[in-house]
Amino acid sequence: MDSQEITTLVGREVYTNNGVYVGEVEDVRLDLDGERVTGLALHRVNEELFDDRVAGARGVMLPYRWVMAVGDVVLVNDAVERLPSAGEDEEVIA
């Protein structure tokens, strides 16, 4: 993915492959050494998915490996719908 493609991600809505709204891409996390995208920083997140885990946070960070397709919207796998309960693995929370 080149730099022009990366900037087009910002502002795109993110949905699961089941059609559930997740949030909107605010920024991307890059591995500059590996020259690749490693995560999507989301804001305007679906509070039903993230419940009290986003209270006071600016948003969430999703691993880019969850991205299935990028077009008019970004599709991610449904792992985001099966996040562990608060207090368990918090890897995706920024």
PDB file of N, CA and C in Angstrom:
ATOM      1  N   MET A   1       0.860  -1.169   0.000  1.00  0.00           N
ATOM      2  CA  MET A   1       0.000   0.000   0.000  1.00  0.00           C
ATOM      3  C   MET A   1       0.905   1.230   0.000  1.00  0.00           C
ATOM      4  N   ASP A   2       0.721   2.094  -0.997  1.00  0.00           N
ATOM      5  CA  ASP A   2       1.568   3.284  -1.055  1.00  0.00           C
ATOM      6  C   ASP A   2       0.980   4.416  -0.216  1.00  0.00           C
ATOM      7  N   SER A   3       1.747   5.496  -0.083  1.00  0.00           N
ATOM      8  CA  SER A   3       1.343   6.588   0.809  1.00  0.00           C
ATOM      9  C   SER A   3       0.036   7.234   0.383  1.00  0.00           C
ATOM     10  N   GLN A   4      -0.237   7.310  -0.911  1.00  0.00           N
ATOM     11  CA  GLN A   4      -1.492   7.896  -1.368  1.00  0.00           C
ATOM     12  C   GLN A   4      -2.668   7.011  -0.971  1.00  0.00           C
ATOM     13  N   GLU A   5      -2.508   5.691  -1.069  1.00  0.00           N
ATOM     14  CA  GLU A   5      -3.561   4.766  -0.664  1.00  0.00           C
ATOM     15  C   GLU A   5      -3.807   4.841   0.840  1.00  0.00           C
ATOM     16  N   ILE A   6      -2.740   5.012   1.609  1.00  0.00           N
ATOM     17  CA  ILE A   6      -2.870   5.095   3.066  1.00  0.00           C
ATOM     18  C   ILE A   6      -3.712   6.300   3.457  1.00  0.00           C
ATOM     19  N   THR A   7      -3.470   7.443   2.840  1.00  0.00           N
ATOM     20  CA  THR A   7      -4.228   8.639   3.208  1.00  0.00           C
ATOM     21  C   THR A   7      -5.700   8.511   2.835  1.00  0.00           C
ATOM     22  N   THR A   8      -6.031   7.684   1.861  1.00  0.00           N
ATOM     23  CA  THR A   8      -7.439   7.519   1.487  1.00  0.00           C
ATOM     24  C   THR A   8      -8.207   6.710   2.533  1.00  0.00           C
ATOM     25  N   LEU A   9      -7.504   6.035   3.434  1.00  0.00           N
ATOM     26  CA  LEU A   9      -8.180   5.287   4.500  1.00  0.00           C
ATOM     27  C   LEU A   9      -8.842   6.219   5.516  1.00  0.00           C
ATOM     28  N   VAL A  10      -8.216   7.370   5.757  1.00  0.00           N
ATOM     29  CA  VAL A  10      -8.729   8.306   6.762  1.00  0.00           C
ATOM     30  C   VAL A  10     -10.106   8.801   6.337  1.00  0.00           C
ATOM     31  N   GLY A  11     -11.049   8.706   7.278  1.00  0.00           N
ATOM     32  CA  GLY A  11     -12.413   9.144   7.023  1.00  0.00           C
ATOM     33  C   GLY A  11     -13.341   8.032   6.564  1.00  0.00           C
ATOM     34  N   ARG A  12     -12.788   6.869   6.232  1.00  0.00           N
ATOM     35  CA  ARG A  12     -13.635   5.757   5.785  1.00  0.00           C
ATOM     36  C   ARG A  12     -14.331   5.115   6.978  1.00  0.00           C
ATOM     37  N   GLU A  13     -15.584   4.724   6.773  1.00  0.00           N
ATOM     38  CA  GLU A  13     -16.312   3.995   7.804  1.00  0.00           C
ATOM     39  C   GLU A  13     -15.848   2.545   7.801  1.00  0.00           C
ATOM     40  N   VAL A  14     -15.860   1.943   8.984  1.00  0.00           N
ATOM     41  CA  VAL A  14     -15.411   0.565   9.157  1.00  0.00           C
ATOM     42  C   VAL A  14     -16.601  -0.276   9.599  1.00  0.00           C
ATOM     43  N   TYR A  15     -16.797  -1.400   8.920  1.00  0.00           N
ATOM     44  CA  TYR A  15     -17.873  -2.337   9.234  1.00  0.00           C
ATOM     45  C   TYR A  15     -17.290  -3.738   9.342  1.00  0.00           C
ATOM     46  N   THR A  16     -17.955  -4.597  10.112  1.00  0.00           N
ATOM     47  CA  THR A  16     -17.564  -6.003  10.127  1.00  0.00           C
ATOM     48  C   THR A  16     -18.120  -6.657   8.872  1.00  0.00           C
ATOM     49  N   ASN A  17     -17.628  -7.851   8.586  1.00  0.00           N
ATOM     50  CA  ASN A  17     -18.152  -8.566   7.425  1.00  0.00           C
ATOM     51  C   ASN A  17     -19.601  -8.982   7.626  1.00  0.00           C
ATOM     52  N   ASN A  18     -20.137  -8.813   8.830  1.00  0.00           N
ATOM     53  CA  ASN A  18     -21.557  -9.066   9.109  1.00  0.00           C
ATOM     54  C   ASN A  18     -22.401  -7.805   8.969  1.00  0.00           C
ATOM     55  N   GLY A  19     -21.769  -6.685   8.597  1.00  0.00           N
ATOM     56  CA  GLY A  19     -22.501  -5.441   8.394  1.00  0.00           C
ATOM     57  C   GLY A  19     -22.672  -4.581   9.627  1.00  0.00           C
ATOM     58  N   VAL A  20     -21.953  -4.884  10.706  1.00  0.00           N
ATOM     59  CA  VAL A  20     -22.054  -4.107  11.943  1.00  0.00           C
ATOM     60  C   VAL A  20     -21.073  -2.932  11.870  1.00  0.00           C
ATOM     61  N   TYR A  21     -21.585  -1.722  12.110  1.00  0.00           N
ATOM     62  CA  TYR A  21     -20.742  -0.524  12.119  1.00  0.00           C
ATOM     63  C   TYR A  21     -19.767  -0.596  13.284  1.00  0.00           C
ATOM     64  N   VAL A  22     -18.483  -0.327  13.015  1.00  0.00           N
ATOM     65  CA  VAL A  22     -17.439  -0.367  14.042  1.00  0.00           C
ATOM     66  C   VAL A  22     -16.976   1.035  14.407  1.00  0.00           C
ATOM     67  N   GLY A  23     -16.708   1.877  13.418  1.00  0.00           N
ATOM     68  CA  GLY A  23     -16.221   3.227  13.670  1.00  0.00           C
ATOM     69  C   GLY A  23     -15.748   3.861  12.381  1.00  0.00           C
ATOM     70  N   GLU A  24     -15.001   4.953  12.533  1.00  0.00           N
ATOM     71  CA  GLU A  24     -14.472   5.684  11.380  1.00  0.00           C
ATOM     72  C   GLU A  24     -12.964   5.809  11.541  1.00  0.00           C
ATOM     73  N   VAL A  25     -12.230   5.600  10.449  1.00  0.00           N
ATOM     74  CA  VAL A  25     -10.765   5.682  10.493  1.00  0.00           C
ATOM     75  C   VAL A  25     -10.356   7.135  10.709  1.00  0.00           C
ATOM     76  N   GLU A  26      -9.612   7.355  11.789  1.00  0.00           N
ATOM     77  CA  GLU A  26      -9.092   8.688  12.094  1.00  0.00           C
ATOM     78  C   GLU A  26      -7.619   8.796  11.708  1.00  0.00           C
ATOM     79  N   ASP A  27      -6.905   7.677  11.820  1.00  0.00           N
ATOM     80  CA  ASP A  27      -5.471   7.682  11.543  1.00  0.00           C
ATOM     81  C   ASP A  27      -5.038   6.240  11.319  1.00  0.00           C
ATOM     82  N   VAL A  28      -3.812   6.063  10.871  1.00  0.00           N
ATOM     83  CA  VAL A  28      -3.253   4.728  10.693  1.00  0.00           C
ATOM     84  C   VAL A  28      -1.972   4.609  11.501  1.00  0.00           C
ATOM     85  N   ARG A  29      -1.696   3.394  11.958  1.00  0.00           N
ATOM     86  CA  ARG A  29      -0.429   3.119  12.652  1.00  0.00           C
ATOM     87  C   ARG A  29       0.480   2.445  11.636  1.00  0.00           C
ATOM     88  N   LEU A  30       1.706   2.969  11.511  1.00  0.00           N
ATOM     89  CA  LEU A  30       2.646   2.465  10.516  1.00  0.00           C
ATOM     90  C   LEU A  30       3.870   1.843  11.159  1.00  0.00           C
ATOM     91  N   ASP A  31       4.385   0.814  10.507  1.00  0.00           N
ATOM     92  CA  ASP A  31       5.697   0.256  10.826  1.00  0.00           C
ATOM     93  C   ASP A  31       6.622   0.826   9.759  1.00  0.00           C
ATOM     94  N   LEU A  32       7.358   1.877  10.098  1.00  0.00           N
ATOM     95  CA  LEU A  32       8.183   2.562   9.111  1.00  0.00           C
ATOM     96  C   LEU A  32       9.324   1.682   8.605  1.00  0.00           C
ATOM     97  N   ASP A  33       9.892   0.857   9.486  1.00  0.00           N
ATOM     98  CA  ASP A  33      10.976  -0.030   9.060  1.00  0.00           C
ATOM     99  C   ASP A  33      10.469  -1.062   8.059  1.00  0.00           C
ATOM    100  N   GLY A  34       9.301  -1.626   8.351  1.00  0.00           N
ATOM    101  CA  GLY A  34       8.725  -2.634   7.470  1.00  0.00           C
ATOM    102  C   GLY A  34       7.896  -2.046   6.346  1.00  0.00           C
ATOM    103  N   GLU A  35       7.709  -0.720   6.375  1.00  0.00           N
ATOM    104  CA  GLU A  35       6.936   0.002   5.362  1.00  0.00           C
ATOM    105  C   GLU A  35       5.561  -0.626   5.155  1.00  0.00           C
ATOM    106  N   ARG A  36       4.822  -0.759   6.268  1.00  0.00           N
ATOM    107  CA  ARG A  36       3.479  -1.336   6.176  1.00  0.00           C
ATOM    108  C   ARG A  36       2.574  -0.749   7.241  1.00  0.00           C
ATOM    109  N   VAL A  37       1.276  -0.845   6.994  1.00  0.00           N
ATOM    110  CA  VAL A  37       0.270  -0.419   7.953  1.00  0.00           C
ATOM    111  C   VAL A  37       0.086  -1.544   8.972  1.00  0.00           C
ATOM    112  N   THR A  38       0.074  -1.196  10.267  1.00  0.00           N
ATOM    113  CA  THR A  38      -0.107  -2.216  11.294  1.00  0.00           C
ATOM    114  C   THR A  38      -1.411  -2.061  12.073  1.00  0.00           C
ATOM    115  N   GLY A  39      -2.053  -0.894  11.958  1.00  0.00           N
ATOM    116  CA  GLY A  39      -3.295  -0.702  12.700  1.00  0.00           C
ATOM    117  C   GLY A  39      -4.097   0.465  12.179  1.00  0.00           C
ATOM    118  N   LEU A  40      -5.375   0.455  12.523  1.00  0.00           N
ATOM    119  CA  LEU A  40      -6.272   1.557  12.190  1.00  0.00           C
ATOM    120  C   LEU A  40      -6.762   2.178  13.482  1.00  0.00           C
ATOM    121  N   ALA A  41      -6.546   3.479  13.630  1.00  0.00           N
ATOM    122  CA  ALA A  41      -7.061   4.214  14.784  1.00  0.00           C
ATOM    123  C   ALA A  41      -8.468   4.683  14.419  1.00  0.00           C
ATOM    124  N   LEU A  42      -9.445   4.240  15.200  1.00  0.00           N
ATOM    125  CA  LEU A  42     -10.837   4.573  14.926  1.00  0.00           C
ATOM    126  C   LEU A  42     -11.379   5.547  15.951  1.00  0.00           C
ATOM    127  N   HIS A  43     -12.260   6.432  15.508  1.00  0.00           N
ATOM    128  CA  HIS A  43     -13.028   7.285  16.407  1.00  0.00           C
ATOM    129  C   HIS A  43     -14.487   7.139  15.995  1.00  0.00           C
ATOM    130  N   ARG A  44     -15.366   7.834  16.680  1.00  0.00           N
ATOM    131  CA  ARG A  44     -16.806   7.680  16.436  1.00  0.00           C
ATOM    132  C   ARG A  44     -17.186   6.203  16.437  1.00  0.00           C
ATOM    133  N   VAL A  45     -16.704   5.487  17.442  1.00  0.00           N
ATOM    134  CA  VAL A  45     -16.888   4.035  17.494  1.00  0.00           C
ATOM    135  C   VAL A  45     -18.286   3.653  17.958  1.00  0.00           C
ATOM    136  N   ASN A  46     -18.670   2.458  17.590  1.00  0.00           N
ATOM    137  CA  ASN A  46     -19.939   1.870  18.001  1.00  0.00           C
ATOM    138  C   ASN A  46     -19.829   1.527  19.481  1.00  0.00           C
ATOM    139  N   GLU A  47     -20.474   2.315  20.328  1.00  0.00           N
ATOM    140  CA  GLU A  47     -20.356   2.122  21.778  1.00  0.00           C
ATOM    141  C   GLU A  47     -20.950   0.799  22.240  1.00  0.00           C
ATOM    142  N   GLU A  48     -21.886   0.233  21.487  1.00  0.00           N
ATOM    143  CA  GLU A  48     -22.442  -1.071  21.861  1.00  0.00           C
ATOM    144  C   GLU A  48     -21.389  -2.172  21.737  1.00  0.00           C
ATOM    145  N   LEU A  49     -20.469  -2.025  20.780  1.00  0.00           N
ATOM    146  CA  LEU A  49     -19.407  -3.027  20.629  1.00  0.00           C
ATOM    147  C   LEU A  49     -18.342  -2.895  21.702  1.00  0.00           C
ATOM    148  N   PHE A  50     -18.018  -1.656  22.072  1.00  0.00           N
ATOM    149  CA  PHE A  50     -16.897  -1.426  22.969  1.00  0.00           C
ATOM    150  C   PHE A  50     -17.321  -1.062  24.382  1.00  0.00           C
ATOM    151  N   ASP A  51     -18.597  -0.951  24.632  1.00  0.00           N
ATOM    152  CA  ASP A  51     -19.221  -0.625  25.921  1.00  0.00           C
ATOM    153  C   ASP A  51     -18.373   0.294  26.775  1.00  0.00           C
ATOM    154  N   ASP A  52     -18.130  -0.038  28.009  1.00  0.00           N
ATOM    155  CA  ASP A  52     -17.433   0.857  28.932  1.00  0.00           C
ATOM    156  C   ASP A  52     -15.918   0.909  28.702  1.00  0.00           C
ATOM    157  N   ARG A  53     -15.396   0.114  27.779  1.00  0.00           N
ATOM    158  CA  ARG A  53     -13.950   0.103  27.539  1.00  0.00           C
ATOM    159  C   ARG A  53     -13.460   1.352  26.822  1.00  0.00           C
ATOM    160  N   VAL A  54     -14.357   2.126  26.202  1.00  0.00           N
ATOM    161  CA  VAL A  54     -13.916   3.340  25.515  1.00  0.00           C
ATOM    162  C   VAL A  54     -14.212   4.598  26.317  1.00  0.00           C
ATOM    163  N   ALA A  55     -14.767   4.450  27.494  1.00  0.00           N
ATOM    164  CA  ALA A  55     -15.085   5.608  28.329  1.00  0.00           C
ATOM    165  C   ALA A  55     -13.810   6.400  28.605  1.00  0.00           C
ATOM    166  N   GLY A  56     -13.796   7.654  28.187  1.00  0.00           N
ATOM    167  CA  GLY A  56     -12.646   8.512  28.406  1.00  0.00           C
ATOM    168  C   GLY A  56     -11.537   8.355  27.377  1.00  0.00           C
ATOM    169  N   ALA A  57     -11.639   7.351  26.501  1.00  0.00           N
ATOM    170  CA  ALA A  57     -10.618   7.151  25.470  1.00  0.00           C
ATOM    171  C   ALA A  57     -10.998   7.911  24.210  1.00  0.00           C
ATOM    172  N   ARG A  58     -10.010   8.217  23.398  1.00  0.00           N
ATOM    173  CA  ARG A  58     -10.278   8.922  22.137  1.00  0.00           C
ATOM    174  C   ARG A  58     -10.857   7.985  21.097  1.00  0.00           C
ATOM    175  N   GLY A  59     -10.620   6.690  21.233  1.00  0.00           N
ATOM    176  CA  GLY A  59     -11.095   5.725  20.256  1.00  0.00           C
ATOM    177  C   GLY A  59     -10.452   4.381  20.493  1.00  0.00           C
ATOM    178  N   VAL A  60     -10.369   3.584  19.443  1.00  0.00           N
ATOM    179  CA  VAL A  60      -9.762   2.260  19.549  1.00  0.00           C
ATOM    180  C   VAL A  60      -8.771   2.069  18.406  1.00  0.00           C
ATOM    181  N   MET A  61      -7.851   1.142  18.623  1.00  0.00           N
ATOM    182  CA  MET A  61      -6.874   0.784  17.597  1.00  0.00           C
ATOM    183  C   MET A  61      -7.146  -0.670  17.210  1.00  0.00           C
ATOM    184  N   LEU A  62      -7.475  -0.894  15.947  1.00  0.00           N
ATOM    185  CA  LEU A  62      -7.696  -2.249  15.458  1.00  0.00           C
ATOM    186  C   LEU A  62      -6.452  -2.730  14.722  1.00  0.00           C
ATOM    187  N   PRO A  63      -6.058  -3.976  14.928  1.00  0.00           N
ATOM    188  CA  PRO A  63      -4.926  -4.517  14.172  1.00  0.00           C
ATOM    189  C   PRO A  63      -5.271  -4.547  12.680  1.00  0.00           C
ATOM    190  N   TYR A  64      -4.349  -4.159  11.843  1.00  0.00           N
ATOM    191  CA  TYR A  64      -4.615  -4.133  10.407  1.00  0.00           C
ATOM    192  C   TYR A  64      -4.823  -5.539   9.853  1.00  0.00           C
ATOM    193  N   ARG A  65      -4.314  -6.545  10.533  1.00  0.00           N
ATOM    194  CA  ARG A  65      -4.502  -7.920  10.065  1.00  0.00           C
ATOM    195  C   ARG A  65      -5.982  -8.314  10.058  1.00  0.00           C
ATOM    196  N   TRP A  66      -6.828  -7.563  10.763  1.00  0.00           N
ATOM    197  CA  TRP A  66      -8.272  -7.831  10.768  1.00  0.00           C
ATOM    198  C   TRP A  66      -8.961  -7.296   9.522  1.00  0.00           C
ATOM    199  N   VAL A  67      -8.279  -6.430   8.752  1.00  0.00           N
ATOM    200  CA  VAL A  67      -8.889  -5.843   7.556  1.00  0.00           C
ATOM    201  C   VAL A  67      -9.013  -6.911   6.471  1.00  0.00           C
ATOM    202  N   MET A  68     -10.231  -7.021   5.951  1.00  0.00           N
ATOM    203  CA  MET A  68     -10.502  -7.994   4.890  1.00  0.00           C
ATOM    204  C   MET A  68     -10.546  -7.332   3.520  1.00  0.00           C
ATOM    205  N   ALA A  69     -11.061  -6.106   3.459  1.00  0.00           N
ATOM    206  CA  ALA A  69     -11.182  -5.404   2.181  1.00  0.00           C
ATOM    207  C   ALA A  69     -11.280  -3.909   2.423  1.00  0.00           C
ATOM    208  N   VAL A  70     -10.798  -3.146   1.439  1.00  0.00           N
ATOM    209  CA  VAL A  70     -10.899  -1.693   1.480  1.00  0.00           C
ATOM    210  C   VAL A  70     -11.534  -1.255   0.168  1.00  0.00           C
ATOM    211  N   GLY A  71     -12.617  -0.516   0.272  1.00  0.00           N
ATOM    212  CA  GLY A  71     -13.303   0.032  -0.892  1.00  0.00           C
ATOM    213  C   GLY A  71     -13.936   1.331  -0.452  1.00  0.00           C
ATOM    214  N   ASP A  72     -15.221   1.490  -0.717  1.00  0.00           N
ATOM    215  CA  ASP A  72     -15.930   2.674  -0.230  1.00  0.00           C
ATOM    216  C   ASP A  72     -15.957   2.682   1.289  1.00  0.00           C
ATOM    217  N   VAL A  73     -15.915   1.483   1.890  1.00  0.00           N
ATOM    218  CA  VAL A  73     -15.806   1.314   3.341  1.00  0.00           C
ATOM    219  C   VAL A  73     -14.690   0.311   3.592  1.00  0.00           C
ATOM    220  N   VAL A  74     -14.286   0.195   4.853  1.00  0.00           N
ATOM    221  CA  VAL A  74     -13.291  -0.798   5.243  1.00  0.00           C
ATOM    222  C   VAL A  74     -14.040  -1.945   5.912  1.00  0.00           C
ATOM    223  N   LEU A  75     -13.815  -3.158   5.429  1.00  0.00           N
ATOM    224  CA  LEU A  75     -14.421  -4.336   6.041  1.00  0.00           C
ATOM    225  C   LEU A  75     -13.384  -5.049   6.898  1.00  0.00           C
ATOM    226  N   VAL A  76     -13.776  -5.363   8.141  1.00  0.00           N
ATOM    227  CA  VAL A  76     -12.908  -6.117   9.040  1.00  0.00           C
ATOM    228  C   VAL A  76     -13.607  -7.407   9.408  1.00  0.00           C
ATOM    229  N   ASN A  77     -12.821  -8.399   9.820  1.00  0.00           N
ATOM    230  CA  ASN A  77     -13.464  -9.659  10.197  1.00  0.00           C
ATOM    231  C   ASN A  77     -14.280  -9.466  11.463  1.00  0.00           C
ATOM    232  N   ASP A  78     -15.106 -10.429  11.752  1.00  0.00           N
ATOM    233  CA  ASP A  78     -16.041 -10.280  12.867  1.00  0.00           C
ATOM    234  C   ASP A  78     -15.404 -10.508  14.232  1.00  0.00           C
ATOM    235  N   ALA A  79     -14.070 -10.607  14.310  1.00  0.00           N
ATOM    236  CA  ALA A  79     -13.402 -10.753  15.607  1.00  0.00           C
ATOM    237  C   ALA A  79     -13.740  -9.582  16.519  1.00  0.00           C
ATOM    238  N   VAL A  80     -13.961  -8.405  15.950  1.00  0.00           N
ATOM    239  CA  VAL A  80     -14.287  -7.226  16.747  1.00  0.00           C
ATOM    240  C   VAL A  80     -15.631  -7.404  17.463  1.00  0.00           C
ATOM    241  N   GLU A  81     -16.516  -8.222  16.903  1.00  0.00           N
ATOM    242  CA  GLU A  81     -17.803  -8.476  17.550  1.00  0.00           C
ATOM    243  C   GLU A  81     -17.664  -9.448  18.718  1.00  0.00           C
ATOM    244  N   ARG A  82     -16.538 -10.153  18.775  1.00  0.00           N
ATOM    245  CA  ARG A  82     -16.330 -11.154  19.828  1.00  0.00           C
ATOM    246  C   ARG A  82     -15.236 -10.750  20.797  1.00  0.00           C
ATOM    247  N   LEU A  83     -15.032  -9.441  20.959  1.00  0.00           N
ATOM    248  CA  LEU A  83     -14.004  -8.963  21.876  1.00  0.00           C
ATOM    249  C   LEU A  83     -14.257  -9.492  23.278  1.00  0.00           C
ATOM    250  N   PRO A  84     -13.187  -9.792  24.005  1.00  0.00           N
ATOM    251  CA  PRO A  84     -13.357 -10.245  25.383  1.00  0.00           C
ATOM    252  C   PRO A  84     -14.011  -9.174  26.247  1.00  0.00           C
ATOM    253  N   SER A  85     -14.604  -9.589  27.319  1.00  0.00           N
ATOM    254  CA  SER A  85     -15.228  -8.649  28.252  1.00  0.00           C
ATOM    255  C   SER A  85     -14.187  -7.727  28.854  1.00  0.00           C
ATOM    256  N   ALA A  86     -14.618  -6.580  29.321  1.00  0.00           N
ATOM    257  CA  ALA A  86     -13.711  -5.626  29.968  1.00  0.00           C
ATOM    258  C   ALA A  86     -12.933  -6.336  31.060  1.00  0.00           C
ATOM    259  N   GLY A  87     -11.638  -6.040  31.128  1.00  0.00           N
ATOM    260  CA  GLY A  87     -10.797  -6.675  32.131  1.00  0.00           C
ATOM    261  C   GLY A  87     -10.008  -7.845  31.569  1.00  0.00           C
ATOM    262  N   GLU A  88     -10.441  -8.380  30.414  1.00  0.00           N
ATOM    263  CA  GLU A  88      -9.685  -9.448  29.765  1.00  0.00           C
ATOM    264  C   GLU A  88      -8.700  -8.808  28.807  1.00  0.00           C
ATOM    265  N   ASP A  89      -8.326  -9.500  27.748  1.00  0.00           N
ATOM    266  CA  ASP A  89      -7.338  -9.008  26.781  1.00  0.00           C
ATOM    267  C   ASP A  89      -7.800  -7.686  26.175  1.00  0.00           C
ATOM    268  N   GLU A  90      -7.038  -6.617  26.382  1.00  0.00           N
ATOM    269  CA  GLU A  90      -7.407  -5.268  25.934  1.00  0.00           C
ATOM    270  C   GLU A  90      -6.546  -4.827  24.765  1.00  0.00           C
ATOM    271  N   GLU A  91      -6.019  -5.769  23.960  1.00  0.00           N
ATOM    272  CA  GLU A  91      -5.069  -5.456  22.900  1.00  0.00           C
ATOM    273  C   GLU A  91      -5.560  -4.409  21.916  1.00  0.00           C
ATOM    274  N   VAL A  92      -6.838  -4.345  21.613  1.00  0.00           N
ATOM    275  CA  VAL A  92      -7.314  -3.447  20.576  1.00  0.00           C
ATOM    276  C   VAL A  92      -7.660  -2.067  21.077  1.00  0.00           C
ATOM    277  N   ILE A  93      -7.610  -1.828  22.375  1.00  0.00           N
ATOM    278  CA  ILE A  93      -7.998  -0.536  22.916  1.00  0.00           C
ATOM    279  C   ILE A  93      -6.796   0.411  22.898  1.00  0.00           C
ATOM    280  N   ALA A  94      -6.990   1.591  22.308  1.00  0.00           N
ATOM    281  CA  ALA A  94      -5.903   2.566  22.233  1.00  0.00           C
ATOM    282  C   ALA A  94      -5.856   3.395  23.495  1.00  0.00           C
TER     283      ALA A  94
END
